[in-house]
PDB file of N, CA and C in Angstrom:
ATOM      1  N   ALA A   1     -17.857   2.998  -3.202  1.00  0.00           N
ATOM      2  CA  ALA A   1     -18.025   3.586  -1.737  1.00  0.00           C
ATOM      3  C   ALA A   1     -16.886   2.721  -1.150  1.00  0.00           C
ATOM      4  N   LYS A   2     -16.977   1.338  -1.375  1.00  0.00           N
ATOM      5  CA  LYS A   2     -15.946   0.481  -0.459  1.00  0.00           C
ATOM      6  C   LYS A   2     -14.324   0.565  -1.113  1.00  0.00           C
ATOM      7  N   VAL A   3     -14.501   0.960  -2.512  1.00  0.00           N
ATOM      8  CA  VAL A   3     -12.996   1.418  -3.009  1.00  0.00           C
ATOM      9  C   VAL A   3     -12.492   2.735  -2.523  1.00  0.00           C
ATOM     10  N   MET A   4     -13.156   3.483  -2.215  1.00  0.00           N
ATOM     11  CA  MET A   4     -12.370   4.948  -1.475  1.00  0.00           C
ATOM     12  C   MET A   4     -11.803   4.650  -0.055  1.00  0.00           C
ATOM     13  N   LYS A   5     -12.399   3.457   0.427  1.00  0.00           N
ATOM     14  CA  LYS A   5     -11.747   3.275   2.027  1.00  0.00           C
ATOM     15  C   LYS A   5     -10.503   2.664   1.622  1.00  0.00           C
ATOM     16  N   PHE A   6     -10.360   1.609   0.676  1.00  0.00           N
ATOM     17  CA  PHE A   6      -9.050   1.221   0.476  1.00  0.00           C
ATOM     18  C   PHE A   6      -8.249   2.047  -0.449  1.00  0.00           C
ATOM     19  N   MET A   7      -8.351   2.870  -0.773  1.00  0.00           N
ATOM     20  CA  MET A   7      -7.437   3.638  -2.058  1.00  0.00           C
ATOM     21  C   MET A   7      -6.271   4.324  -0.914  1.00  0.00           C
ATOM     22  N   PRO A   8      -6.525   4.924   0.072  1.00  0.00           N
ATOM     23  CA  PRO A   8      -5.325   5.307   0.714  1.00  0.00           C
ATOM     24  C   PRO A   8      -4.185   4.266   1.215  1.00  0.00           C
ATOM     25  N   VAL A   9      -5.023   3.170   1.518  1.00  0.00           N
ATOM     26  CA  VAL A   9      -3.859   2.233   1.877  1.00  0.00           C
ATOM     27  C   VAL A   9      -3.241   1.492   0.695  1.00  0.00           C
ATOM     28  N   MET A  10      -4.042   1.268  -0.259  1.00  0.00           N
ATOM     29  CA  MET A  10      -3.334   0.930  -1.739  1.00  0.00           C
ATOM     30  C   MET A  10      -2.230   1.908  -2.290  1.00  0.00           C
ATOM     31  N   PHE A  11      -2.291   3.220  -2.129  1.00  0.00           N
ATOM     32  CA  PHE A  11      -1.461   4.170  -2.526  1.00  0.00           C
ATOM     33  C   PHE A  11      -0.401   4.282  -1.468  1.00  0.00           C
ATOM     34  N   THR A  12      -0.679   4.224  -0.183  1.00  0.00           N
ATOM     35  CA  THR A  12       0.504   4.160   0.563  1.00  0.00           C
ATOM     36  C   THR A  12       1.522   2.827   0.435  1.00  0.00           C
ATOM     37  N   VAL A  13       0.900   1.894  -0.011  1.00  0.00           N
ATOM     38  CA  VAL A  13       1.643   0.564  -0.487  1.00  0.00           C
ATOM     39  C   VAL A  13       2.612   0.675  -1.768  1.00  0.00           C
ATOM     40  N   PHE A  14       1.773   1.452  -2.813  1.00  0.00           N
ATOM     41  CA  PHE A  14       2.521   1.740  -3.924  1.00  0.00           C
ATOM     42  C   PHE A  14       3.532   2.856  -3.692  1.00  0.00           C
ATOM     43  N   PHE A  15       3.350   3.847  -3.043  1.00  0.00           N
ATOM     44  CA  PHE A  15       4.360   4.809  -2.905  1.00  0.00           C
ATOM     45  C   PHE A  15       5.331   4.735  -2.026  1.00  0.00           C
ATOM     46  N   LEU A  16       5.432   3.541  -1.191  1.00  0.00           N
ATOM     47  CA  LEU A  16       6.606   3.090  -0.484  1.00  0.00           C
ATOM     48  C   LEU A  16       7.807   2.833  -1.488  1.00  0.00           C
ATOM     49  N   TRP A  17       7.858   2.644  -2.593  1.00  0.00           N
ATOM     50  CA  TRP A  17       8.958   2.046  -3.570  1.00  0.00           C
ATOM     51  C   TRP A  17       9.099   3.160  -4.678  1.00  0.00           C
ATOM     52  N   PHE A  18       8.377   4.366  -4.548  1.00  0.00           N
ATOM     53  CA  PHE A  18       8.479   5.445  -5.534  1.00  0.00           C
ATOM     54  C   PHE A  18       9.163   6.450  -4.928  1.00  0.00           C
ATOM     55  N   PRO A  19      10.212   7.394  -5.563  1.00  0.00           N
ATOM     56  CA  PRO A  19      10.967   8.216  -5.049  1.00  0.00           C
ATOM     57  C   PRO A  19       9.890   9.209  -4.557  1.00  0.00           C
ATOM     58  N   ALA A  20      10.713  10.049  -3.434  1.00  0.00           N
ATOM     59  CA  ALA A  20       9.743  11.206  -2.480  1.00  0.00           C
ATOM     60  C   ALA A  20       9.341  12.187  -3.577  1.00  0.00           C
ATOM     61  N   GLY A  21       9.909  12.587  -4.467  1.00  0.00           N
ATOM     62  CA  GLY A  21       9.465  13.533  -5.231  1.00  0.00           C
ATOM     63  C   GLY A  21       8.236  13.243  -6.217  1.00  0.00           C
ATOM     64  N   LEU A  22       7.813  12.078  -6.489  1.00  0.00           N
ATOM     65  CA  LEU A  22       6.564  11.604  -6.843  1.00  0.00           C
ATOM     66  C   LEU A  22       5.608  11.680  -6.061  1.00  0.00           C
ATOM     67  N   VAL A  23       5.826  11.237  -4.863  1.00  0.00           N
ATOM     68  CA  VAL A  23       4.882  11.241  -3.516  1.00  0.00           C
ATOM     69  C   VAL A  23       4.672  12.762  -3.412  1.00  0.00           C
ATOM     70  N   LEU A  24       5.517  13.736  -3.372  1.00  0.00           N
ATOM     71  CA  LEU A  24       5.449  15.030  -2.943  1.00  0.00           C
ATOM     72  C   LEU A  24       4.402  15.434  -4.170  1.00  0.00           C
ATOM     73  N   TYR A  25       4.673  15.351  -5.248  1.00  0.00           N
ATOM     74  CA  TYR A  25       3.799  15.712  -6.465  1.00  0.00           C
ATOM     75  C   TYR A  25       2.317  15.328  -6.432  1.00  0.00           C
ATOM     76  N   TYR A  26       2.178  13.815  -6.046  1.00  0.00           N
ATOM     77  CA  TYR A  26       0.677  13.348  -6.088  1.00  0.00           C
ATOM     78  C   TYR A  26       0.227  14.224  -4.721  1.00  0.00           C
ATOM     79  N   LEU A  27       0.635  14.215  -3.711  1.00  0.00           N
ATOM     80  CA  LEU A  27       0.122  15.009  -2.708  1.00  0.00           C
ATOM     81  C   LEU A  27      -0.170  16.072  -2.688  1.00  0.00           C
ATOM     82  N   ALA A  28       0.609  16.866  -3.322  1.00  0.00           N
ATOM     83  CA  ALA A  28       0.364  18.350  -3.516  1.00  0.00           C
ATOM     84  C   ALA A  28      -0.766  18.630  -4.926  1.00  0.00           C
ATOM     85  N   ASN A  29      -0.759  17.662  -5.414  1.00  0.00           N
ATOM     86  CA  ASN A  29      -1.884  17.695  -6.666  1.00  0.00           C
ATOM     87  C   ASN A  29      -3.106  17.515  -6.089  1.00  0.00           C
ATOM     88  N   ALA A  30      -3.098  16.545  -5.138  1.00  0.00           N
ATOM     89  CA  ALA A  30      -4.492  16.104  -4.773  1.00  0.00           C
ATOM     90  C   ALA A  30      -4.960  17.182  -3.365  1.00  0.00           C
ATOM     91  N   VAL A  31      -3.918  17.970  -2.829  1.00  0.00           N
ATOM     92  CA  VAL A  31      -4.578  19.010  -2.152  1.00  0.00           C
ATOM     93  C   VAL A  31      -5.036  19.937  -2.715  1.00  0.00           C
ATOM     94  N   ILE A  32      -4.422  20.810  -3.859  1.00  0.00           N
ATOM     95  CA  ILE A  32      -4.742  21.471  -4.884  1.00  0.00           C
ATOM     96  C   ILE A  32      -6.253  21.096  -5.321  1.00  0.00           C
ATOM     97  N   GLY A  33      -6.239  19.881  -5.934  1.00  0.00           N
ATOM     98  CA  GLY A  33      -7.552  19.533  -6.415  1.00  0.00           C
ATOM     99  C   GLY A  33      -8.873  19.513  -5.498  1.00  0.00           C
ATOM    100  N   ILE A  34      -8.443  19.154  -4.187  1.00  0.00           N
ATOM    101  CA  ILE A  34      -9.506  19.275  -3.070  1.00  0.00           C
ATOM    102  C   ILE A  34     -10.094  20.715  -2.995  1.00  0.00           C
ATOM    103  N   LEU A  35      -8.827  21.560  -2.796  1.00  0.00           N
ATOM    104  CA  LEU A  35      -9.603  22.864  -2.793  1.00  0.00           C
ATOM    105  C   LEU A  35     -10.050  23.708  -3.859  1.00  0.00           C
ATOM    106  N   GLN A  36      -9.526  23.032  -5.138  1.00  0.00           N
ATOM    107  CA  GLN A  36     -10.233  23.330  -5.983  1.00  0.00           C
ATOM    108  C   GLN A  36     -11.928  23.449  -6.137  1.00  0.00           C
ATOM    109  N   GLN A  37     -11.899  22.009  -5.879  1.00  0.00           N
ATOM    110  CA  GLN A  37     -13.463  21.494  -6.036  1.00  0.00           C
ATOM    111  C   GLN A  37     -14.076  21.952  -4.876  1.00  0.00           C
ATOM    112  N   TRP A  38     -13.690  22.499  -3.483  1.00  0.00           N
ATOM    113  CA  TRP A  38     -14.383  23.234  -2.604  1.00  0.00           C
ATOM    114  C   TRP A  38     -14.774  24.480  -2.932  1.00  0.00           C
ATOM    115  N   TYR A  39     -13.826  25.249  -3.384  1.00  0.00           N
ATOM    116  CA  TYR A  39     -14.013  26.608  -3.996  1.00  0.00           C
ATOM    117  C   TYR A  39     -15.054  26.663  -5.091  1.00  0.00           C
ATOM    118  N   PHE A  40     -14.913  25.861  -6.136  1.00  0.00           N
ATOM    119  CA  PHE A  40     -15.954  26.019  -7.213  1.00  0.00           C
ATOM    120  C   PHE A  40     -17.382  25.127  -6.538  1.00  0.00           C
ATOM    121  N   THR A  41     -17.384  24.196  -5.745  1.00  0.00           N
ATOM    122  CA  THR A  41     -18.740  24.023  -5.426  1.00  0.00           C
ATOM    123  C   THR A  41     -19.375  24.817  -4.421  1.00  0.00           C
ATOM    124  N   ARG A  42     -18.606  25.616  -3.599  1.00  0.00           N
ATOM    125  CA  ARG A  42     -19.154  27.244  -2.698  1.00  0.00           C
ATOM    126  C   ARG A  42     -19.736  27.898  -3.657  1.00  0.00           C
ATOM    127  N   LYS A  43     -18.836  28.305  -4.596  1.00  0.00           N
ATOM    128  CA  LYS A  43     -19.292  29.286  -5.448  1.00  0.00           C
ATOM    129  C   LYS A  43     -20.522  29.011  -6.351  1.00  0.00           C
ATOM    130  N   THR A  44     -20.856  27.699  -6.879  1.00  0.00           N
ATOM    131  CA  THR A  44     -21.795  27.333  -7.358  1.00  0.00           C
ATOM    132  C   THR A  44     -23.042  27.318  -6.520  1.00  0.00           C
ATOM    133  N   GLU A  45     -22.878  27.042  -5.208  1.00  0.00           N
ATOM    134  CA  GLU A  45     -24.361  27.098  -4.383  1.00  0.00           C
ATOM    135  C   GLU A  45     -24.635  28.280  -4.198  1.00  0.00           C
ATOM    136  N   LYS A  46     -23.641  29.281  -4.068  1.00  0.00           N
ATOM    137  CA  LYS A  46     -24.134  30.576  -3.651  1.00  0.00           C
ATOM    138  C   LYS A  46     -24.802  31.137  -5.071  1.00  0.00           C
ATOM    139  N   GLN A  47     -24.390  30.798  -6.129  1.00  0.00           N
ATOM    140  CA  GLN A  47     -25.133  31.268  -7.296  1.00  0.00           C
ATOM    141  C   GLN A  47     -26.550  30.735  -7.469  1.00  0.00           C
ATOM    142  N   TYR A  48     -26.609  29.519  -7.162  1.00  0.00           N
ATOM    143  CA  TYR A  48     -27.800  28.538  -7.248  1.00  0.00           C
ATOM    144  C   TYR A  48     -28.922  29.499  -6.022  1.00  0.00           C
ATOM    145  N   ALA A  49     -28.274  29.822  -4.855  1.00  0.00           N
ATOM    146  CA  ALA A  49     -28.985  30.360  -3.897  1.00  0.00           C
ATOM    147  C   ALA A  49     -29.500  31.784  -4.231  1.00  0.00           C
ATOM    148  N   ALA A  50     -28.623  32.625  -4.846  1.00  0.00           N
ATOM    149  CA  ALA A  50     -28.920  34.154  -5.545  1.00  0.00           C
ATOM    150  C   ALA A  50     -30.257  34.028  -6.448  1.00  0.00           C
ATOM    151  N   ALA A  51     -30.146  32.815  -7.406  1.00  0.00           N
ATOM    152  CA  ALA A  51     -30.910  32.736  -8.431  1.00  0.00           C
ATOM    153  C   ALA A  51     -32.421  32.191  -8.039  1.00  0.00           C
ATOM    154  N   ALA A  52     -32.475  31.500  -7.046  1.00  0.00           N
ATOM    155  CA  ALA A  52     -33.748  30.973  -6.340  1.00  0.00           C
ATOM    156  C   ALA A  52     -34.104  31.938  -5.505  1.00  0.00           C
ATOM    157  N   LYS A  53     -33.492  32.988  -5.054  1.00  0.00           N
ATOM    158  CA  LYS A  53     -34.222  34.217  -4.360  1.00  0.00           C
ATOM    159  C   LYS A  53     -34.983  35.069  -5.469  1.00  0.00           C
ATOM    160  N   GLY A  54     -34.227  35.175  -6.599  1.00  0.00           N
ATOM    161  CA  GLY A  54     -34.755  35.672  -7.749  1.00  0.00           C
ATOM    162  C   GLY A  54     -34.110  37.042  -7.867  1.00  0.00           C
TER     163      GLY A  54
END
């Protein structure tokens, strides 16, 4: 859990020297991954709730 607190700081320092396209790619990939995880988690929770009801 402590590592997750420092990751944004570390990535900021790393990306200061990278080309802007790479930073944009990383950001877009991270946002898409977050949305994808949110969607599938929500879908799975609905399926479990429906199965629990019978």
